[in-house]
Every structure is written in structure tokens, then in C-alpha cells.
Amino acid sequence: MSRGQQKAKGRVTGSAGRFGPRYGRFIRKRVVETERISRAAHRCPRCDMVSVKREGTGIWACRKCGFKFAGGAYTPQTPALRIALRAIDRTMEGKE
């Protein structure tokens, strides 16, 4: 019976590497996930292209069509907005 390689547990790389060993592994993992999402390109609600980037806290802008809008601090669409859009869609379907 041979043993395989064991994966290292405590190593968190990426943008949270700047913290070194401080603050704990799980908090640094959360920072990495949050920064990965906020720095990624997202889909524009107006032109439907994947070119929306974060300009500041809650400020999002499309680089293709120039559409600037407010959203969540780390994602352009918050979970509350998704729920509201779903409710609006349901009411519009009921009126038709």
C-alpha cells in the first residue's frame, strides 16, 4: 500500500500573500475570493458584453459602452437585487 502525496493545508497564495502568516487561514481565503470576484470582468446590463470593471466601492462601469452604475461593493449585482428583479419579472408576467 503506497501513500499518495498529501495536499498542503495552510498555504494561501494570491492577493492575500501580502498579509503573510497574520489573521488566520480562513480570513485570508475569504479575502482572496472577494478580491478575485471584484477584480474580474462582469457582464454589462446594457450592452451584454463581459467588460464591466469596478471603479470604486459600489461603482461599476462598462468599458465598451461607457455605462456607469451603482451596485454592490464587491459584485455588480447584490443578492437583494437578484430577488427584486425576479419579483419584478413575476409581476410583469402576471399582468400579461
Protein backbone atom coordinates (compact mmCIF):
# COMPACT_ATOMS: atom_id res chain seq x y z
CA MET A 1 0.00 0.00 0.00
CA SER A 2 1.58 3.20 -1.16
CA ARG A 3 0.55 6.57 0.10
CA GLY A 4 -0.15 9.45 -2.27
CA GLN A 5 1.03 13.00 -1.82
CA GLN A 6 -0.86 14.90 0.86
CA LYS A 7 -2.07 18.34 -0.14
CA ALA A 8 -0.71 21.22 1.93
CA LYS A 9 -3.40 22.70 4.16
CA GLY A 10 -2.25 26.08 5.32
CA ARG A 11 -0.93 27.72 2.19
CA VAL A 12 -3.00 30.66 0.91
CA THR A 13 -1.44 32.37 -2.06
CA GLY A 14 -2.60 35.10 -4.36
CA SER A 15 -3.51 38.59 -3.28
CA ALA A 16 -3.68 37.64 0.42
CA GLY A 17 0.00 36.72 0.35
CA ARG A 18 0.70 40.31 1.36
CA PHE A 19 -0.63 39.50 4.86
CA GLY A 20 1.97 36.80 5.47
CA PRO A 21 1.05 34.49 8.35
CA ARG A 22 -1.24 37.05 10.01
CA TYR A 23 -5.05 36.95 10.53
CA GLY A 24 -5.57 33.21 10.03
CA ARG A 25 -6.01 30.97 7.02
CA PHE A 26 -9.77 31.22 6.56
CA ILE A 27 -9.90 35.01 6.70
CA ARG A 28 -7.13 35.19 4.11
CA LYS A 29 -9.04 32.71 1.92
CA ARG A 30 -12.11 34.95 2.13
CA VAL A 31 -10.02 37.95 1.12
CA VAL A 32 -8.68 36.05 -1.91
CA GLU A 33 -12.19 35.02 -3.02
CA THR A 34 -13.61 38.53 -2.56
CA GLU A 35 -10.77 40.21 -4.43
CA ARG A 36 -10.91 37.65 -7.25
CA ILE A 37 -14.63 38.39 -7.75
CA SER A 38 -14.26 42.17 -7.51
CA ARG A 39 -11.33 42.31 -9.96
CA ALA A 40 -12.94 40.05 -12.56
CA ALA A 41 -14.80 41.35 -15.62
CA HIS A 42 -18.58 41.09 -15.34
CA ARG A 43 -21.46 41.23 -17.84
CA CYS A 44 -22.87 44.67 -18.70
CA PRO A 45 -26.63 45.06 -18.10
CA ARG A 46 -26.95 47.42 -21.09
CA CYS A 47 -24.76 46.03 -23.90
CA ASP A 48 -24.45 42.43 -22.57
CA MET A 49 -20.66 42.33 -23.06
CA VAL A 50 -18.26 40.99 -20.42
CA SER A 51 -16.48 44.29 -19.89
CA VAL A 52 -17.75 45.74 -16.59
CA LYS A 53 -14.99 46.60 -14.14
CA ARG A 54 -15.08 48.03 -10.63
CA GLU A 55 -14.12 51.70 -10.39
CA GLY A 56 -14.62 52.16 -6.67
CA THR A 57 -16.69 50.88 -3.77
CA GLY A 58 -20.06 50.13 -5.34
CA ILE A 59 -19.27 51.94 -8.62
CA TRP A 60 -19.18 49.81 -11.77
CA ALA A 61 -18.52 50.92 -15.35
CA CYS A 62 -18.65 49.19 -18.72
CA ARG A 63 -15.53 49.79 -20.78
CA LYS A 64 -17.34 49.09 -24.05
CA CYS A 65 -20.47 51.28 -23.90
CA GLY A 66 -19.46 53.62 -21.06
CA PHE A 67 -22.49 52.73 -18.89
CA LYS A 68 -21.77 53.57 -15.25
CA PHE A 69 -23.99 52.25 -12.47
CA ALA A 70 -24.14 51.56 -8.75
CA GLY A 71 -24.00 48.01 -7.48
CA GLY A 72 -22.66 46.05 -4.57
CA ALA A 73 -19.30 46.74 -3.00
CA TYR A 74 -17.67 43.64 -4.48
CA THR A 75 -20.14 42.43 -7.14
CA PRO A 76 -22.22 44.46 -9.60
CA GLN A 77 -25.42 42.62 -8.63
CA THR A 78 -26.21 42.01 -4.98
CA PRO A 79 -28.35 39.06 -3.88
CA ALA A 80 -31.10 41.52 -2.87
CA LEU A 81 -31.14 42.96 -6.40
CA ARG A 82 -31.49 39.48 -7.90
CA ILE A 83 -34.51 38.83 -5.66
CA ALA A 84 -36.05 42.17 -6.61
CA LEU A 85 -35.54 41.56 -10.35
CA ARG A 86 -37.15 38.14 -10.01
CA ALA A 87 -40.17 39.67 -8.26
CA ILE A 88 -40.48 42.34 -10.98
CA ASP A 89 -40.37 39.68 -13.68
CA ARG A 90 -43.12 37.70 -11.91
CA THR A 91 -45.39 40.74 -11.64
CA MET A 92 -44.84 41.63 -15.28
CA GLU A 93 -45.77 38.07 -16.32
CA GLY A 94 -48.94 38.26 -14.21
CA LYS A 95 -50.09 41.47 -15.94
CA GLU A 96 -49.79 40.00 -19.42
